Amino acid sequence: MPGGRPPHPDGDTIPCPPRPTGPPVTRRQWIYGALCVLVALAAIAIRIAT
């Protein structure tokens, strides 16, 4: 486009502000996650055993 910005070279991206990091995972979230994994594994083990 005449009079426009020059194109970015290959491999470069348009700079943008960094994404904000979320809050750290709480102990309760860890416990709920582990509990969900244990329930899912138990359900799979029971399904395989029967």
Protein backbone atom coordinates (compact mmCIF):
# COMPACT_ATOMS: atom_id res chain seq x y z
CA MET A 1 0.00 0.00 0.00
CA PRO A 2 1.57 3.28 -0.99
CA GLY A 3 2.41 5.51 1.97
CA GLY A 4 1.67 2.73 4.49
CA ARG A 5 3.94 1.08 7.00
CA PRO A 6 6.52 -1.32 5.64
CA PRO A 7 5.62 -4.99 6.12
CA HIS A 8 7.04 -6.88 9.07
CA PRO A 9 9.89 -9.22 8.17
CA ASP A 10 9.16 -12.94 8.15
CA GLY A 11 9.09 -14.45 11.63
CA ASP A 12 8.38 -11.19 13.42
CA THR A 13 5.10 -10.50 15.12
CA ILE A 14 3.40 -7.26 15.90
CA PRO A 15 4.44 -6.27 19.43
CA CYS A 16 1.68 -6.28 22.00
CA PRO A 17 1.59 -5.91 25.77
CA PRO A 18 2.25 -9.09 27.75
CA ARG A 19 -0.74 -11.06 28.97
CA PRO A 20 -1.42 -10.63 32.67
CA THR A 21 -0.72 -13.71 34.75
CA GLY A 22 -3.60 -15.20 36.65
CA PRO A 23 -3.70 -15.62 40.39
CA PRO A 24 -1.77 -18.60 41.77
CA VAL A 25 -3.60 -21.88 42.30
CA THR A 26 -4.90 -22.20 45.83
CA ARG A 27 -4.60 -25.27 48.05
CA ARG A 28 -8.34 -25.86 47.74
CA GLN A 29 -8.07 -25.94 43.94
CA TRP A 30 -5.23 -28.48 44.21
CA ILE A 31 -7.34 -30.65 46.52
CA TYR A 32 -10.38 -30.50 44.22
CA GLY A 33 -8.24 -31.32 41.19
CA ALA A 34 -6.60 -34.28 42.91
CA LEU A 35 -9.99 -35.51 44.12
CA CYS A 36 -11.41 -35.36 40.58
CA VAL A 37 -8.43 -37.30 39.24
CA LEU A 38 -8.77 -39.96 41.95
CA VAL A 39 -12.51 -40.36 41.31
CA ALA A 40 -11.92 -40.67 37.57
CA LEU A 41 -9.14 -43.24 38.05
CA ALA A 42 -11.29 -45.22 40.48
CA ALA A 43 -14.17 -45.23 38.01
CA ILE A 44 -11.87 -46.45 35.24
CA ALA A 45 -10.38 -49.15 37.48
CA ILE A 46 -13.84 -50.36 38.53
CA ARG A 47 -14.99 -50.39 34.90
CA ILE A 48 -11.94 -52.45 33.86
CA ALA A 49 -12.29 -54.88 36.78
CA THR A 50 -15.92 -55.72 36.01
